[in-house]
PDB file of N, CA and C in Angstrom:
ATOM      1  N   MET A   1      73.155  14.463 -43.601  1.00  0.00           N
ATOM      2  CA  MET A   1      71.922  13.783 -43.974  1.00  0.00           C
ATOM      3  C   MET A   1      72.097  12.294 -43.708  1.00  0.00           C
ATOM      4  N   THR A   2      71.045  11.707 -43.192  1.00  0.00           N
ATOM      5  CA  THR A   2      71.045  10.269 -42.946  1.00  0.00           C
ATOM      6  C   THR A   2      69.908   9.654 -43.737  1.00  0.00           C
ATOM      7  N   THR A   3      70.197   8.636 -44.489  1.00  0.00           N
ATOM      8  CA  THR A   3      69.151   7.906 -45.177  1.00  0.00           C
ATOM      9  C   THR A   3      68.885   6.645 -44.374  1.00  0.00           C
ATOM     10  N   ILE A   4      67.681   6.513 -43.912  1.00  0.00           N
ATOM     11  CA  ILE A   4      67.310   5.349 -43.135  1.00  0.00           C
ATOM     12  C   ILE A   4      66.895   4.257 -44.104  1.00  0.00           C
ATOM     13  N   PRO A   5      67.448   3.054 -43.957  1.00  0.00           N
ATOM     14  CA  PRO A   5      67.012   1.972 -44.836  1.00  0.00           C
ATOM     15  C   PRO A   5      65.545   1.660 -44.608  1.00  0.00           C
ATOM     16  N   ASN A   6      64.937   1.015 -45.568  1.00  0.00           N
ATOM     17  CA  ASN A   6      63.524   0.679 -45.448  1.00  0.00           C
ATOM     18  C   ASN A   6      63.340  -0.327 -44.318  1.00  0.00           C
ATOM     19  N   ILE A   7      62.820   0.142 -43.202  1.00  0.00           N
ATOM     20  CA  ILE A   7      62.528  -0.720 -42.065  1.00  0.00           C
ATOM     21  C   ILE A   7      61.027  -0.732 -41.807  1.00  0.00           C
ATOM     22  N   GLY A   8      60.259  -0.494 -42.882  1.00  0.00           N
ATOM     23  CA  GLY A   8      58.820  -0.474 -42.736  1.00  0.00           C
ATOM     24  C   GLY A   8      58.307   0.853 -42.235  1.00  0.00           C
ATOM     25  N   SER A   9      59.126   1.888 -42.288  1.00  0.00           N
ATOM     26  CA  SER A   9      58.672   3.144 -41.736  1.00  0.00           C
ATOM     27  C   SER A   9      58.779   4.312 -42.691  1.00  0.00           C
ATOM     28  N   ASN A  10      59.889   4.468 -43.384  1.00  0.00           N
ATOM     29  CA  ASN A  10      60.056   5.649 -44.214  1.00  0.00           C
ATOM     30  C   ASN A  10      60.431   5.332 -45.653  1.00  0.00           C
ATOM     31  N   HIS A  11      60.520   4.070 -45.973  1.00  0.00           N
ATOM     32  CA  HIS A  11      60.769   3.620 -47.336  1.00  0.00           C
ATOM     33  C   HIS A  11      62.054   4.191 -47.925  1.00  0.00           C
ATOM     34  N   GLY A  12      63.085   4.336 -47.092  1.00  0.00           N
ATOM     35  CA  GLY A  12      64.389   4.761 -47.569  1.00  0.00           C
ATOM     36  C   GLY A  12      64.512   6.231 -47.931  1.00  0.00           C
ATOM     37  N   ARG A  13      63.570   7.065 -47.533  1.00  0.00           N
ATOM     38  CA  ARG A  13      63.654   8.497 -47.828  1.00  0.00           C
ATOM     39  C   ARG A  13      64.774   9.136 -47.022  1.00  0.00           C
ATOM     40  N   PRO A  14      65.390  10.205 -47.569  1.00  0.00           N
ATOM     41  CA  PRO A  14      66.421  10.904 -46.806  1.00  0.00           C
ATOM     42  C   PRO A  14      65.771  11.647 -45.627  1.00  0.00           C
ATOM     43  N   VAL A  15      66.157  11.243 -44.434  1.00  0.00           N
ATOM     44  CA  VAL A  15      65.529  11.775 -43.227  1.00  0.00           C
ATOM     45  C   VAL A  15      66.606  12.132 -42.221  1.00  0.00           C
ATOM     46  N   LYS A  16      66.380  13.212 -41.492  1.00  0.00           N
ATOM     47  CA  LYS A  16      67.276  13.572 -40.403  1.00  0.00           C
ATOM     48  C   LYS A  16      66.455  13.656 -39.113  1.00  0.00           C
ATOM     49  N   PRO A  17      67.123  13.583 -37.965  1.00  0.00           N
ATOM     50  CA  PRO A  17      66.387  13.647 -36.698  1.00  0.00           C
ATOM     51  C   PRO A  17      65.677  14.978 -36.502  1.00  0.00           C
ATOM     52  N   VAL A  18      64.594  14.941 -35.760  1.00  0.00           N
ATOM     53  CA  VAL A  18      63.883  16.160 -35.376  1.00  0.00           C
ATOM     54  C   VAL A  18      64.699  16.807 -34.256  1.00  0.00           C
ATOM     55  N   PRO A  19      65.108  18.076 -34.415  1.00  0.00           N
ATOM     56  CA  PRO A  19      65.898  18.726 -33.368  1.00  0.00           C
ATOM     57  C   PRO A  19      65.170  18.670 -32.018  1.00  0.00           C
ATOM     58  N   GLY A  20      65.905  18.218 -31.010  1.00  0.00           N
ATOM     59  CA  GLY A  20      65.340  18.097 -29.672  1.00  0.00           C
ATOM     60  C   GLY A  20      64.674  16.758 -29.409  1.00  0.00           C
ATOM     61  N   TYR A  21      64.497  15.974 -30.474  1.00  0.00           N
ATOM     62  CA  TYR A  21      63.831  14.668 -30.333  1.00  0.00           C
ATOM     63  C   TYR A  21      64.660  13.574 -31.008  1.00  0.00           C
ATOM     64  N   GLU A  22      65.958  13.699 -30.905  1.00  0.00           N
ATOM     65  CA  GLU A  22      66.860  12.738 -31.525  1.00  0.00           C
ATOM     66  C   GLU A  22      66.605  11.317 -31.013  1.00  0.00           C
ATOM     67  N   ASP A  23      66.131  11.207 -29.766  1.00  0.00           N
ATOM     68  CA  ASP A  23      65.839   9.890 -29.189  1.00  0.00           C
ATOM     69  C   ASP A  23      64.689   9.178 -29.908  1.00  0.00           C
ATOM     70  N   LEU A  24      63.894   9.920 -30.638  1.00  0.00           N
ATOM     71  CA  LEU A  24      62.773   9.327 -31.377  1.00  0.00           C
ATOM     72  C   LEU A  24      63.133   9.038 -32.835  1.00  0.00           C
ATOM     73  N   PHE A  25      64.384   9.330 -33.204  1.00  0.00           N
ATOM     74  CA  PHE A  25      64.792   9.114 -34.591  1.00  0.00           C
ATOM     75  C   PHE A  25      64.608   7.658 -34.974  1.00  0.00           C
ATOM     76  N   ARG A  26      64.203   7.451 -36.187  1.00  0.00           N
ATOM     77  CA  ARG A  26      63.795   6.197 -36.811  1.00  0.00           C
ATOM     78  C   ARG A  26      62.293   5.993 -36.630  1.00  0.00           C
ATOM     79  N   HIS A  27      61.699   6.699 -35.681  1.00  0.00           N
ATOM     80  CA  HIS A  27      60.258   6.592 -35.479  1.00  0.00           C
ATOM     81  C   HIS A  27      59.569   7.885 -35.933  1.00  0.00           C
ATOM     82  N   VAL A  28      60.301   8.974 -35.935  1.00  0.00           N
ATOM     83  CA  VAL A  28      59.880  10.253 -36.519  1.00  0.00           C
ATOM     84  C   VAL A  28      61.141  10.921 -37.053  1.00  0.00           C
ATOM     85  N   GLY A  29      60.987  11.787 -38.023  1.00  0.00           N
ATOM     86  CA  GLY A  29      62.124  12.494 -38.583  1.00  0.00           C
ATOM     87  C   GLY A  29      61.665  13.658 -39.433  1.00  0.00           C
ATOM     88  N   ILE A  30      62.620  14.303 -40.054  1.00  0.00           N
ATOM     89  CA  ILE A  30      62.346  15.428 -40.953  1.00  0.00           C
ATOM     90  C   ILE A  30      62.875  15.054 -42.331  1.00  0.00           C
ATOM     91  N   PHE A  31      62.030  15.220 -43.347  1.00  0.00           N
ATOM     92  CA  PHE A  31      62.421  14.940 -44.727  1.00  0.00           C
ATOM     93  C   PHE A  31      63.537  15.895 -45.105  1.00  0.00           C
ATOM     94  N   ASP A  32      64.639  15.348 -45.591  1.00  0.00           N
ATOM     95  CA  ASP A  32      65.846  16.136 -45.847  1.00  0.00           C
ATOM     96  C   ASP A  32      66.284  15.993 -47.301  1.00  0.00           C
ATOM     97  N   LYS A  33      65.609  16.725 -48.173  1.00  0.00           N
ATOM     98  CA  LYS A  33      65.962  16.699 -49.583  1.00  0.00           C
ATOM     99  C   LYS A  33      65.799  18.113 -50.134  1.00  0.00           C
ATOM    100  N   PRO A  34      66.861  18.921 -49.985  1.00  0.00           N
ATOM    101  CA  PRO A  34      66.784  20.298 -50.480  1.00  0.00           C
ATOM    102  C   PRO A  34      66.320  20.345 -51.933  1.00  0.00           C
ATOM    103  N   GLY A  35      65.449  21.309 -52.204  1.00  0.00           N
ATOM    104  CA  GLY A  35      64.907  21.462 -53.546  1.00  0.00           C
ATOM    105  C   GLY A  35      63.569  20.760 -53.718  1.00  0.00           C
ATOM    106  N   ASP A  36      63.302  19.770 -52.900  1.00  0.00           N
ATOM    107  CA  ASP A  36      62.015  19.077 -52.960  1.00  0.00           C
ATOM    108  C   ASP A  36      60.989  19.923 -52.210  1.00  0.00           C
ATOM    109  N   PRO A  37      59.771  20.049 -52.742  1.00  0.00           N
ATOM    110  CA  PRO A  37      58.771  20.869 -52.053  1.00  0.00           C
ATOM    111  C   PRO A  37      58.435  20.367 -50.643  1.00  0.00           C
ATOM    112  N   LEU A  38      58.721  19.106 -50.347  1.00  0.00           N
ATOM    113  CA  LEU A  38      58.438  18.567 -49.018  1.00  0.00           C
ATOM    114  C   LEU A  38      59.639  18.655 -48.074  1.00  0.00           C
ATOM    115  N   HIS A  39      60.750  19.216 -48.543  1.00  0.00           N
ATOM    116  CA  HIS A  39      61.939  19.360 -47.699  1.00  0.00           C
ATOM    117  C   HIS A  39      61.566  20.058 -46.388  1.00  0.00           C
ATOM    118  N   GLY A  40      61.983  19.462 -45.265  1.00  0.00           N
ATOM    119  CA  GLY A  40      61.719  20.054 -43.953  1.00  0.00           C
ATOM    120  C   GLY A  40      60.428  19.578 -43.303  1.00  0.00           C
ATOM    121  N   GLU A  41      59.630  18.801 -44.026  1.00  0.00           N
ATOM    122  CA  GLU A  41      58.369  18.301 -43.458  1.00  0.00           C
ATOM    123  C   GLU A  41      58.634  17.137 -42.511  1.00  0.00           C
ATOM    124  N   ASP A  42      57.774  17.021 -41.487  1.00  0.00           N
ATOM    125  CA  ASP A  42      57.882  15.902 -40.562  1.00  0.00           C
ATOM    126  C   ASP A  42      57.512  14.604 -41.261  1.00  0.00           C
ATOM    127  N   ILE A  43      58.235  13.548 -40.922  1.00  0.00           N
ATOM    128  CA  ILE A  43      57.945  12.201 -41.404  1.00  0.00           C
ATOM    129  C   ILE A  43      57.465  11.407 -40.195  1.00  0.00           C
ATOM    130  N   VAL A  44      56.226  10.985 -40.226  1.00  0.00           N
ATOM    131  CA  VAL A  44      55.663  10.176 -39.148  1.00  0.00           C
ATOM    132  C   VAL A  44      55.129   8.897 -39.778  1.00  0.00           C
ATOM    133  N   PRO A  45      55.860   7.794 -39.611  1.00  0.00           N
ATOM    134  CA  PRO A  45      55.421   6.532 -40.202  1.00  0.00           C
ATOM    135  C   PRO A  45      54.057   6.094 -39.668  1.00  0.00           C
ATOM    136  N   VAL A  46      53.388   5.273 -40.438  1.00  0.00           N
ATOM    137  CA  VAL A  46      52.037   4.844 -40.076  1.00  0.00           C
ATOM    138  C   VAL A  46      52.017   4.151 -38.714  1.00  0.00           C
ATOM    139  N   ARG A  47      53.037   3.359 -38.394  1.00  0.00           N
ATOM    140  CA  ARG A  47      53.062   2.675 -37.096  1.00  0.00           C
ATOM    141  C   ARG A  47      53.118   3.691 -35.952  1.00  0.00           C
ATOM    142  N   THR A  48      53.953   4.717 -36.100  1.00  0.00           N
ATOM    143  CA  THR A  48      54.072   5.741 -35.071  1.00  0.00           C
ATOM    144  C   THR A  48      52.769   6.522 -34.948  1.00  0.00           C
ATOM    145  N   PHE A  49      52.185   6.884 -36.072  1.00  0.00           N
ATOM    146  CA  PHE A  49      50.910   7.602 -36.050  1.00  0.00           C
ATOM    147  C   PHE A  49      49.824   6.753 -35.391  1.00  0.00           C
ATOM    148  N   ALA A  50      49.838   5.465 -35.674  1.00  0.00           N
ATOM    149  CA  ALA A  50      48.830   4.561 -35.104  1.00  0.00           C
ATOM    150  C   ALA A  50      48.879   4.547 -33.581  1.00  0.00           C
ATOM    151  N   LEU A  51      50.065   4.717 -33.009  1.00  0.00           N
ATOM    152  CA  LEU A  51      50.171   4.767 -31.554  1.00  0.00           C
ATOM    153  C   LEU A  51      49.331   5.891 -30.967  1.00  0.00           C
ATOM    154  N   MET A  52      49.211   6.976 -31.714  1.00  0.00           N
ATOM    155  CA  MET A  52      48.481   8.144 -31.227  1.00  0.00           C
ATOM    156  C   MET A  52      46.965   7.995 -31.340  1.00  0.00           C
ATOM    157  N   ILE A  53      46.502   7.090 -32.194  1.00  0.00           N
ATOM    158  CA  ILE A  53      45.055   6.998 -32.397  1.00  0.00           C
ATOM    159  C   ILE A  53      44.450   5.652 -32.023  1.00  0.00           C
ATOM    160  N   ALA A  54      45.283   4.658 -31.730  1.00  0.00           N
ATOM    161  CA  ALA A  54      44.761   3.336 -31.372  1.00  0.00           C
ATOM    162  C   ALA A  54      43.905   3.456 -30.105  1.00  0.00           C
ATOM    163  N   PRO A  55      42.816   2.701 -30.033  1.00  0.00           N
ATOM    164  CA  PRO A  55      41.961   2.764 -28.849  1.00  0.00           C
ATOM    165  C   PRO A  55      42.693   2.432 -27.546  1.00  0.00           C
ATOM    166  N   SER A  56      43.715   1.602 -27.620  1.00  0.00           N
ATOM    167  CA  SER A  56      44.542   1.275 -26.453  1.00  0.00           C
ATOM    168  C   SER A  56      45.857   0.681 -26.956  1.00  0.00           C
ATOM    169  N   ILE A  57      46.834   0.623 -26.083  1.00  0.00           N
ATOM    170  CA  ILE A  57      48.126   0.027 -26.445  1.00  0.00           C
ATOM    171  C   ILE A  57      47.948  -1.455 -26.737  1.00  0.00           C
ATOM    172  N   GLU A  58      47.096  -2.119 -25.985  1.00  0.00           N
ATOM    173  CA  GLU A  58      46.860  -3.548 -26.202  1.00  0.00           C
ATOM    174  C   GLU A  58      46.249  -3.806 -27.581  1.00  0.00           C
ATOM    175  N   ILE A  59      45.290  -2.986 -27.961  1.00  0.00           N
ATOM    176  CA  ILE A  59      44.668  -3.124 -29.283  1.00  0.00           C
ATOM    177  C   ILE A  59      45.684  -2.802 -30.370  1.00  0.00           C
ATOM    178  N   PHE A  60      46.505  -1.786 -30.140  1.00  0.00           N
ATOM    179  CA  PHE A  60      47.562  -1.447 -31.090  1.00  0.00           C
ATOM    180  C   PHE A  60      48.470  -2.653 -31.334  1.00  0.00           C
ATOM    181  N   HIS A  61      48.980  -3.256 -30.251  1.00  0.00           N
ATOM    182  CA  HIS A  61      49.894  -4.399 -30.393  1.00  0.00           C
ATOM    183  C   HIS A  61      49.222  -5.572 -31.107  1.00  0.00           C
ATOM    184  N   ALA A  62      47.982  -5.858 -30.757  1.00  0.00           N
ATOM    185  CA  ALA A  62      47.273  -6.970 -31.398  1.00  0.00           C
ATOM    186  C   ALA A  62      47.106  -6.721 -32.896  1.00  0.00           C
ATOM    187  N   GLU A  63      46.751  -5.502 -33.268  1.00  0.00           N
ATOM    188  CA  GLU A  63      46.561  -5.173 -34.682  1.00  0.00           C
ATOM    189  C   GLU A  63      47.877  -5.236 -35.442  1.00  0.00           C
ATOM    190  N   TRP A  64      48.957  -4.727 -34.830  1.00  0.00           N
ATOM    191  CA  TRP A  64      50.245  -4.747 -35.518  1.00  0.00           C
ATOM    192  C   TRP A  64      50.754  -6.171 -35.691  1.00  0.00           C
ATOM    193  N   GLU A  65      50.534  -7.027 -34.716  1.00  0.00           N
ATOM    194  CA  GLU A  65      50.912  -8.438 -34.858  1.00  0.00           C
ATOM    195  C   GLU A  65      50.096  -9.107 -35.962  1.00  0.00           C
ATOM    196  N   ARG A  66      48.810  -8.797 -36.019  1.00  0.00           N
ATOM    197  CA  ARG A  66      47.941  -9.362 -37.061  1.00  0.00           C
ATOM    198  C   ARG A  66      48.432  -8.938 -38.440  1.00  0.00           C
ATOM    199  N   GLN A  67      48.706  -7.643 -38.600  1.00  0.00           N
ATOM    200  CA  GLN A  67      49.160  -7.152 -39.896  1.00  0.00           C
ATOM    201  C   GLN A  67      50.549  -7.686 -40.252  1.00  0.00           C
ATOM    202  N   ALA A  68      51.429  -7.831 -39.269  1.00  0.00           N
ATOM    203  CA  ALA A  68      52.760  -8.393 -39.534  1.00  0.00           C
ATOM    204  C   ALA A  68      52.633  -9.799 -40.098  1.00  0.00           C
ATOM    205  N   GLY A  69      51.690 -10.576 -39.567  1.00  0.00           N
ATOM    206  CA  GLY A  69      51.460 -11.923 -40.088  1.00  0.00           C
ATOM    207  C   GLY A  69      50.983 -11.903 -41.526  1.00  0.00           C
ATOM    208  N   LEU A  70      50.084 -10.979 -41.842  1.00  0.00           N
ATOM    209  CA  LEU A  70      49.580 -10.865 -43.214  1.00  0.00           C
ATOM    210  C   LEU A  70      50.684 -10.440 -44.176  1.00  0.00           C
ATOM    211  N   ILE A  71      51.536  -9.525 -43.721  1.00  0.00           N
ATOM    212  CA  ILE A  71      52.644  -9.071 -44.555  1.00  0.00           C
ATOM    213  C   ILE A  71      53.621 -10.221 -44.783  1.00  0.00           C
ATOM    214  N   ALA A  72      53.924 -10.967 -43.729  1.00  0.00           N
ATOM    215  CA  ALA A  72      54.848 -12.106 -43.853  1.00  0.00           C
ATOM    216  C   ALA A  72      54.318 -13.153 -44.828  1.00  0.00           C
ATOM    217  N   LEU A  73      53.003 -13.316 -44.866  1.00  0.00           N
ATOM    218  CA  LEU A  73      52.394 -14.279 -45.777  1.00  0.00           C
ATOM    219  C   LEU A  73      52.227 -13.744 -47.200  1.00  0.00           C
ATOM    220  N   GLY A  74      52.489 -12.463 -47.378  1.00  0.00           N
ATOM    221  CA  GLY A  74      52.318 -11.843 -48.686  1.00  0.00           C
ATOM    222  C   GLY A  74      50.881 -11.454 -48.981  1.00  0.00           C
ATOM    223  N   ALA A  75      50.018 -11.520 -47.992  1.00  0.00           N
ATOM    224  CA  ALA A  75      48.610 -11.176 -48.181  1.00  0.00           C
ATOM    225  C   ALA A  75      48.358  -9.676 -48.054  1.00  0.00           C
ATOM    226  N   GLN A  76      49.345  -8.942 -47.580  1.00  0.00           N
ATOM    227  CA  GLN A  76      49.237  -7.497 -47.412  1.00  0.00           C
ATOM    228  C   GLN A  76      50.612  -6.918 -47.684  1.00  0.00           C
ATOM    229  N   ARG A  77      50.674  -5.755 -48.373  1.00  0.00           N
ATOM    230  CA  ARG A  77      51.985  -5.185 -48.751  1.00  0.00           C
ATOM    231  C   ARG A  77      52.611  -4.334 -47.659  1.00  0.00           C
ATOM    232  N   HIS A  78      51.791  -3.579 -46.913  1.00  0.00           N
ATOM    233  CA  HIS A  78      52.333  -2.674 -45.901  1.00  0.00           C
ATOM    234  C   HIS A  78      51.308  -2.467 -44.796  1.00  0.00           C
ATOM    235  N   TYR A  79      51.776  -1.891 -43.712  1.00  0.00           N
ATOM    236  CA  TYR A  79      50.882  -1.605 -42.586  1.00  0.00           C
ATOM    237  C   TYR A  79      49.894  -0.510 -42.971  1.00  0.00           C
ATOM    238  N   THR A  80      48.688  -0.623 -42.435  1.00  0.00           N
ATOM    239  CA  THR A  80      47.659   0.380 -42.681  1.00  0.00           C
ATOM    240  C   THR A  80      46.982   0.749 -41.364  1.00  0.00           C
ATOM    241  N   LEU A  81      46.354   1.903 -41.360  1.00  0.00           N
ATOM    242  CA  LEU A  81      45.570   2.309 -40.201  1.00  0.00           C
ATOM    243  C   LEU A  81      44.181   1.697 -40.308  1.00  0.00           C
ATOM    244  N   PRO A  82      43.739   0.984 -39.288  1.00  0.00           N
ATOM    245  CA  PRO A  82      42.385   0.428 -39.332  1.00  0.00           C
ATOM    246  C   PRO A  82      41.345   1.550 -39.387  1.00  0.00           C
ATOM    247  N   ALA A  83      40.432   1.443 -40.306  1.00  0.00           N
ATOM    248  CA  ALA A  83      39.400   2.474 -40.476  1.00  0.00           C
ATOM    249  C   ALA A  83      38.579   2.671 -39.207  1.00  0.00           C
ATOM    250  N   GLU A  84      38.374   1.599 -38.443  1.00  0.00           N
ATOM    251  CA  GLU A  84      37.552   1.720 -37.240  1.00  0.00           C
ATOM    252  C   GLU A  84      38.235   2.536 -36.133  1.00  0.00           C
ATOM    253  N   TRP A  85      39.529   2.771 -36.232  1.00  0.00           N
ATOM    254  CA  TRP A  85      40.213   3.616 -35.244  1.00  0.00           C
ATOM    255  C   TRP A  85      40.006   5.092 -35.519  1.00  0.00           C
ATOM    256  N   GLN A  86      39.737   5.442 -36.755  1.00  0.00           N
ATOM    257  CA  GLN A  86      39.714   6.844 -37.144  1.00  0.00           C
ATOM    258  C   GLN A  86      38.604   7.668 -36.493  1.00  0.00           C
ATOM    259  N   PRO A  87      37.372   7.141 -36.319  1.00  0.00           N
ATOM    260  CA  PRO A  87      36.350   7.963 -35.679  1.00  0.00           C
ATOM    261  C   PRO A  87      36.705   8.407 -34.251  1.00  0.00           C
ATOM    262  N   GLY A  88      37.465   7.613 -33.513  1.00  0.00           N
ATOM    263  CA  GLY A  88      37.842   7.971 -32.152  1.00  0.00           C
ATOM    264  C   GLY A  88      39.220   8.591 -32.028  1.00  0.00           C
ATOM    265  N   ALA A  89      39.852   8.883 -33.158  1.00  0.00           N
ATOM    266  CA  ALA A  89      41.237   9.354 -33.154  1.00  0.00           C
ATOM    267  C   ALA A  89      41.421  10.661 -32.389  1.00  0.00           C
ATOM    268  N   LYS A  90      40.562  11.613 -32.619  1.00  0.00           N
ATOM    269  CA  LYS A  90      40.714  12.915 -31.960  1.00  0.00           C
ATOM    270  C   LYS A  90      40.539  12.769 -30.451  1.00  0.00           C
ATOM    271  N   ARG A  91      39.553  11.985 -30.041  1.00  0.00           N
ATOM    272  CA  ARG A  91      39.316  11.755 -28.616  1.00  0.00           C
ATOM    273  C   ARG A  91      40.532  11.085 -27.977  1.00  0.00           C
ATOM    274  N   ARG A  92      41.046  10.044 -28.629  1.00  0.00           N
ATOM    275  CA  ARG A  92      42.184   9.311 -28.094  1.00  0.00           C
ATOM    276  C   ARG A  92      43.414  10.209 -28.000  1.00  0.00           C
ATOM    277  N   THR A  93      43.661  11.018 -29.014  1.00  0.00           N
ATOM    278  CA  THR A  93      44.800  11.926 -28.987  1.00  0.00           C
ATOM    279  C   THR A  93      44.673  12.909 -27.831  1.00  0.00           C
ATOM    280  N   LYS A  94      43.474  13.430 -27.618  1.00  0.00           N
ATOM    281  CA  LYS A  94      43.254  14.366 -26.506  1.00  0.00           C
ATOM    282  C   LYS A  94      43.451  13.669 -25.157  1.00  0.00           C
ATOM    283  N   GLU A  95      43.029  12.420 -25.043  1.00  0.00           N
ATOM    284  CA  GLU A  95      43.259  11.651 -23.810  1.00  0.00           C
ATOM    285  C   GLU A  95      44.755  11.511 -23.535  1.00  0.00           C
ATOM    286  N   LEU A  96      45.524  11.181 -24.576  1.00  0.00           N
ATOM    287  CA  LEU A  96      46.967  11.024 -24.408  1.00  0.00           C
ATOM    288  C   LEU A  96      47.631  12.354 -24.062  1.00  0.00           C
ATOM    289  N   GLN A  97      47.170  13.432 -24.686  1.00  0.00           N
ATOM    290  CA  GLN A  97      47.723  14.745 -24.374  1.00  0.00           C
ATOM    291  C   GLN A  97      47.476  15.089 -22.906  1.00  0.00           C
ATOM    292  N   ALA A  98      46.279  14.790 -22.407  1.00  0.00           N
ATOM    293  CA  ALA A  98      45.963  15.053 -21.009  1.00  0.00           C
ATOM    294  C   ALA A  98      46.795  14.152 -20.092  1.00  0.00           C
ATOM    295  N   ARG A  99      46.943  12.909 -20.471  1.00  0.00           N
ATOM    296  CA  ARG A  99      47.696  11.946 -19.650  1.00  0.00           C
ATOM    297  C   ARG A  99      49.151  12.376 -19.467  1.00  0.00           C
ATOM    298  N   TYR A 100      49.761  12.874 -20.557  1.00  0.00           N
ATOM    299  CA  TYR A 100      51.175  13.238 -20.509  1.00  0.00           C
ATOM    300  C   TYR A 100      51.395  14.739 -20.328  1.00  0.00           C
ATOM    301  N   GLY A 101      50.325  15.500 -20.172  1.00  0.00           N
ATOM    302  CA  GLY A 101      50.420  16.916 -19.853  1.00  0.00           C
ATOM    303  C   GLY A 101      51.037  17.783 -20.930  1.00  0.00           C
ATOM    304  N   THR A 102      50.787  17.441 -22.195  1.00  0.00           N
ATOM    305  CA  THR A 102      51.356  18.213 -23.297  1.00  0.00           C
ATOM    306  C   THR A 102      50.512  18.028 -24.552  1.00  0.00           C
ATOM    307  N   ASP A 103      50.528  19.033 -25.411  1.00  0.00           N
ATOM    308  CA  ASP A 103      49.872  18.873 -26.710  1.00  0.00           C
ATOM    309  C   ASP A 103      50.920  18.705 -27.821  1.00  0.00           C
ATOM    310  N   VAL A 104      52.179  18.519 -27.439  1.00  0.00           N
ATOM    311  CA  VAL A 104      53.262  18.280 -28.392  1.00  0.00           C
ATOM    312  C   VAL A 104      53.302  16.780 -28.683  1.00  0.00           C
ATOM    313  N   ALA A 105      53.022  16.411 -29.912  1.00  0.00           N
ATOM    314  CA  ALA A 105      52.920  14.993 -30.283  1.00  0.00           C
ATOM    315  C   ALA A 105      54.185  14.220 -29.936  1.00  0.00           C
ATOM    316  N   TYR A 106      55.360  14.804 -30.156  1.00  0.00           N
ATOM    317  CA  TYR A 106      56.605  14.094 -29.858  1.00  0.00           C
ATOM    318  C   TYR A 106      56.751  13.815 -28.366  1.00  0.00           C
ATOM    319  N   GLU A 107      56.271  14.711 -27.534  1.00  0.00           N
ATOM    320  CA  GLU A 107      56.315  14.489 -26.083  1.00  0.00           C
ATOM    321  C   GLU A 107      55.350  13.370 -25.687  1.00  0.00           C
ATOM    322  N   VAL A 108      54.204  13.308 -26.347  1.00  0.00           N
ATOM    323  CA  VAL A 108      53.255  12.220 -26.095  1.00  0.00           C
ATOM    324  C   VAL A 108      53.904  10.889 -26.477  1.00  0.00           C
ATOM    325  N   LEU A 109      54.586  10.851 -27.618  1.00  0.00           N
ATOM    326  CA  LEU A 109      55.275   9.627 -28.037  1.00  0.00           C
ATOM    327  C   LEU A 109      56.347   9.218 -27.026  1.00  0.00           C
ATOM    328  N   ARG A 110      57.064  10.190 -26.497  1.00  0.00           N
ATOM    329  CA  ARG A 110      58.054   9.877 -25.451  1.00  0.00           C
ATOM    330  C   ARG A 110      57.364   9.273 -24.232  1.00  0.00           C
ATOM    331  N   GLY A 111      56.228   9.850 -23.859  1.00  0.00           N
ATOM    332  CA  GLY A 111      55.481   9.330 -22.711  1.00  0.00           C
ATOM    333  C   GLY A 111      55.009   7.906 -22.942  1.00  0.00           C
ATOM    334  N   LEU A 112      54.488   7.637 -24.123  1.00  0.00           N
ATOM    335  CA  LEU A 112      54.046   6.279 -24.452  1.00  0.00           C
ATOM    336  C   LEU A 112      55.219   5.299 -24.397  1.00  0.00           C
ATOM    337  N   HIS A 113      56.353   5.713 -24.922  1.00  0.00           N
ATOM    338  CA  HIS A 113      57.508   4.815 -24.906  1.00  0.00           C
ATOM    339  C   HIS A 113      58.018   4.604 -23.477  1.00  0.00           C
ATOM    340  N   ARG A 114      58.063   5.660 -22.707  1.00  0.00           N
ATOM    341  CA  ARG A 114      58.518   5.563 -21.322  1.00  0.00           C
ATOM    342  C   ARG A 114      57.620   4.602 -20.533  1.00  0.00           C
ATOM    343  N   GLU A 115      56.326   4.715 -20.744  1.00  0.00           N
ATOM    344  CA  GLU A 115      55.369   3.913 -19.982  1.00  0.00           C
ATOM    345  C   GLU A 115      55.207   2.493 -20.511  1.00  0.00           C
ATOM    346  N   TYR A 116      55.230   2.340 -21.844  1.00  0.00           N
ATOM    347  CA  TYR A 116      54.911   1.040 -22.436  1.00  0.00           C
ATOM    348  C   TYR A 116      56.026   0.418 -23.277  1.00  0.00           C
ATOM    349  N   GLY A 117      57.101   1.150 -23.530  1.00  0.00           N
ATOM    350  CA  GLY A 117      58.170   0.606 -24.386  1.00  0.00           C
ATOM    351  C   GLY A 117      57.676   0.314 -25.790  1.00  0.00           C
ATOM    352  N   VAL A 118      56.982   1.274 -26.394  1.00  0.00           N
ATOM    353  CA  VAL A 118      56.294   1.034 -27.677  1.00  0.00           C
ATOM    354  C   VAL A 118      57.195   1.002 -28.898  1.00  0.00           C
ATOM    355  N   PHE A 119      58.421   1.528 -28.777  1.00  0.00           N
ATOM    356  CA  PHE A 119      59.311   1.521 -29.936  1.00  0.00           C
ATOM    357  C   PHE A 119      60.319   0.395 -29.819  1.00  0.00           C
ATOM    358  N   PRO A 120      60.459  -0.372 -30.892  1.00  0.00           N
ATOM    359  CA  PRO A 120      61.468  -1.437 -30.853  1.00  0.00           C
ATOM    360  C   PRO A 120      62.860  -0.823 -30.803  1.00  0.00           C
ATOM    361  N   PRO A 121      63.825  -1.580 -30.313  1.00  0.00           N
ATOM    362  CA  PRO A 121      65.199  -1.055 -30.303  1.00  0.00           C
ATOM    363  C   PRO A 121      65.672  -0.750 -31.712  1.00  0.00           C
ATOM    364  N   ASP A 122      66.585   0.206 -31.817  1.00  0.00           N
ATOM    365  CA  ASP A 122      67.170   0.575 -33.096  1.00  0.00           C
ATOM    366  C   ASP A 122      67.886  -0.648 -33.685  1.00  0.00           C
ATOM    367  N   PRO A 123      67.541  -1.049 -34.911  1.00  0.00           N
ATOM    368  CA  PRO A 123      68.152  -2.255 -35.483  1.00  0.00           C
ATOM    369  C   PRO A 123      69.585  -2.060 -35.965  1.00  0.00           C
ATOM    370  N   THR A 124      70.066  -0.825 -35.989  1.00  0.00           N
ATOM    371  CA  THR A 124      71.442  -0.596 -36.427  1.00  0.00           C
ATOM    372  C   THR A 124      72.299  -0.246 -35.210  1.00  0.00           C
ATOM    373  N   PRO A 125      73.565  -0.615 -35.233  1.00  0.00           N
ATOM    374  CA  PRO A 125      74.441  -0.306 -34.087  1.00  0.00           C
ATOM    375  C   PRO A 125      74.712   1.173 -33.950  1.00  0.00           C
TER     376      PRO A 125
END
């Protein structure tokens, strides 16, 4: 079991890599707490989920920079999904699935990272 420190994504929950998608670890994972009713559930942080529903990568980056500034100033506690993205979420997800030729969300995330470098480097050695 690996506990990821709070890096704005999983709030220190015990998480392990998704089998077959170890390269996406820290951006997605599986909740690893035997005995807990959520044990084995996928953990998808809000930032990672936002990549799948943002109207574009450019809009995603602009919104995340805006929210990072608010968090740094103490005006906002954590990242949130903009409500205006939600009505187009299904359409955007389907566009990404078609673009990357898969309906597997983790494969779409790999495609986004390959094309745009959307995940920051792992902060731990």
